[in-house]
Every structure is written in C-alpha cells, then in structure tokens.
C-alpha cells in the first residue's frame, strides 16, 4: 500500500558534497518551494536559503508550524512564539531553543 514511498528519490542519495547543490539558487528563493521541502521533512532548509528568507519572521513561524525541527539554523530560536509552535509540532525542537 505504501510502496510508492520506497521508490521516491532521496535528496541525500545524490553524489554531491552538499545535498542541495544540484538545485538552482532561484528555487531556494521561492518560499513555497521551501515550505514544501519543510513539509516533506527536510530540516536543514535554513542552511541553504537566502538571508532575507532566514530573517523573515512570518516564514519561520510557518515553517515551525509545519516541522518543529526546521527552526534549527534560523535566527528566531529565542522568539517565544516561534519556539512554542515548534515545540507543539515536535517536542525535540526544545533542544534548539535559546537559553534566553
């Protein structure tokens, strides 16, 4: 029934030093593309996203609601509202919360 999951290409299997080097920079400037990646389980989107997206509070809040671990690498780990949403989604996000 879920056999289609086993035939899905895995981004981490590509023979590159960084998993997302095969994608164009323009894709990482597209917020809807990034949100789809986060929804699919990618937690390292902020490593590759442009600075203006990383610093967009509303985008990071949406990301936290989709995947709590996606806040890792953002500059909002001390933002109470964002971290509460992240922890609601995934309790392990508490590990990335700022001590402040």
Protein backbone atom coordinates (compact mmCIF):
# COMPACT_ATOMS: atom_id res chain seq x y z
CA UNK A 1 0.00 0.00 0.00
CA UNK A 2 2.76 2.48 0.84
CA UNK A 3 5.20 1.01 -1.66
CA UNK A 4 5.41 4.33 -3.50
CA UNK A 5 7.42 5.68 -0.56
CA UNK A 6 10.23 3.28 -1.29
CA UNK A 7 10.58 4.44 -4.90
CA UNK A 8 10.77 8.13 -4.10
CA UNK A 9 14.17 9.68 -4.85
CA UNK A 10 16.02 10.65 -1.71
CA UNK A 11 17.79 14.00 -1.88
CA UNK A 12 20.53 12.71 0.39
CA UNK A 13 21.49 9.93 -2.03
CA UNK A 14 22.88 12.22 -4.73
CA UNK A 15 26.67 12.04 -5.09
CA UNK A 16 27.42 15.60 -4.04
CA UNK A 17 29.21 17.09 -1.09
CA UNK A 18 26.12 19.09 -0.21
CA UNK A 19 22.71 17.54 -0.74
CA UNK A 20 21.13 20.59 -2.40
CA UNK A 21 23.91 21.67 -4.76
CA UNK A 22 22.02 20.26 -7.74
CA UNK A 23 19.23 22.81 -7.29
CA UNK A 24 19.21 26.28 -8.70
CA UNK A 25 19.58 29.24 -6.35
CA UNK A 26 16.22 30.55 -7.60
CA UNK A 27 14.45 27.54 -6.10
CA UNK A 28 15.80 28.38 -2.68
CA UNK A 29 14.49 31.92 -3.07
CA UNK A 30 10.97 30.55 -3.59
CA UNK A 31 9.18 30.44 -0.24
CA UNK A 32 6.53 27.98 -1.41
CA UNK A 33 9.24 25.55 -2.56
CA UNK A 34 10.98 25.82 0.80
CA UNK A 35 7.73 25.27 2.69
CA UNK A 36 7.07 22.15 0.63
CA UNK A 37 10.54 20.87 1.47
CA UNK A 38 9.92 21.53 5.16
CA UNK A 39 6.54 19.81 4.94
CA UNK A 40 8.26 16.80 3.33
CA UNK A 41 10.58 16.52 6.32
CA UNK A 42 13.67 18.46 5.32
CA UNK A 43 15.00 20.13 8.45
CA UNK A 44 18.07 21.85 7.03
CA UNK A 45 16.36 24.29 4.69
CA UNK A 46 17.77 27.32 6.51
CA UNK A 47 21.31 26.21 5.73
CA UNK A 48 20.69 26.83 2.04
CA UNK A 49 18.03 29.56 1.99
CA UNK A 50 18.92 33.21 1.29
CA UNK A 51 19.36 35.53 4.24
CA UNK A 52 16.17 37.53 3.56
CA UNK A 53 14.12 34.35 3.94
CA UNK A 54 16.01 33.20 7.04
CA UNK A 55 15.28 36.57 8.66
CA UNK A 56 11.59 36.61 7.67
CA UNK A 57 9.76 36.01 10.95
CA UNK A 58 6.43 35.08 9.34
CA UNK A 59 8.12 32.50 7.11
CA UNK A 60 9.95 30.94 10.07
CA UNK A 61 6.68 30.81 12.02
CA UNK A 62 5.01 28.95 9.13
CA UNK A 63 7.99 26.60 8.96
CA UNK A 64 7.78 25.93 12.71
CA UNK A 65 4.11 25.01 12.37
CA UNK A 66 4.92 22.54 9.58
CA UNK A 67 8.03 20.97 11.08
CA UNK A 68 9.24 21.98 14.52
CA UNK A 69 12.82 20.93 13.83
CA UNK A 70 13.04 23.26 10.84
CA UNK A 71 13.76 26.20 13.16
CA UNK A 72 17.30 24.91 13.59
CA UNK A 73 19.55 27.37 11.80
CA UNK A 74 17.11 30.26 11.94
CA UNK A 75 17.77 33.41 13.90
CA UNK A 76 14.49 33.08 15.84
CA UNK A 77 15.39 30.39 18.36
CA UNK A 78 14.89 32.96 21.13
CA UNK A 79 11.48 34.06 19.80
CA UNK A 80 8.93 32.69 22.26
CA UNK A 81 6.00 32.41 19.82
CA UNK A 82 8.04 30.63 17.15
CA UNK A 83 9.62 28.21 19.60
CA UNK A 84 6.24 27.40 21.20
CA UNK A 85 4.88 26.50 17.76
CA UNK A 86 7.98 24.45 17.00
CA UNK A 87 7.72 22.53 20.29
CA UNK A 88 3.98 21.96 19.75
CA UNK A 89 4.85 20.37 16.42
CA UNK A 90 7.87 18.43 17.67
CA UNK A 91 8.98 18.36 21.29
CA UNK A 92 12.60 17.82 20.26
CA UNK A 93 12.64 21.42 18.97
CA UNK A 94 13.10 22.46 22.59
CA UNK A 95 16.72 21.35 22.22
CA UNK A 96 17.31 24.21 19.73
CA UNK A 97 15.65 26.88 21.87
CA UNK A 98 17.84 29.69 23.09
CA UNK A 99 18.62 29.77 26.81
CA UNK A 100 17.29 33.35 26.96
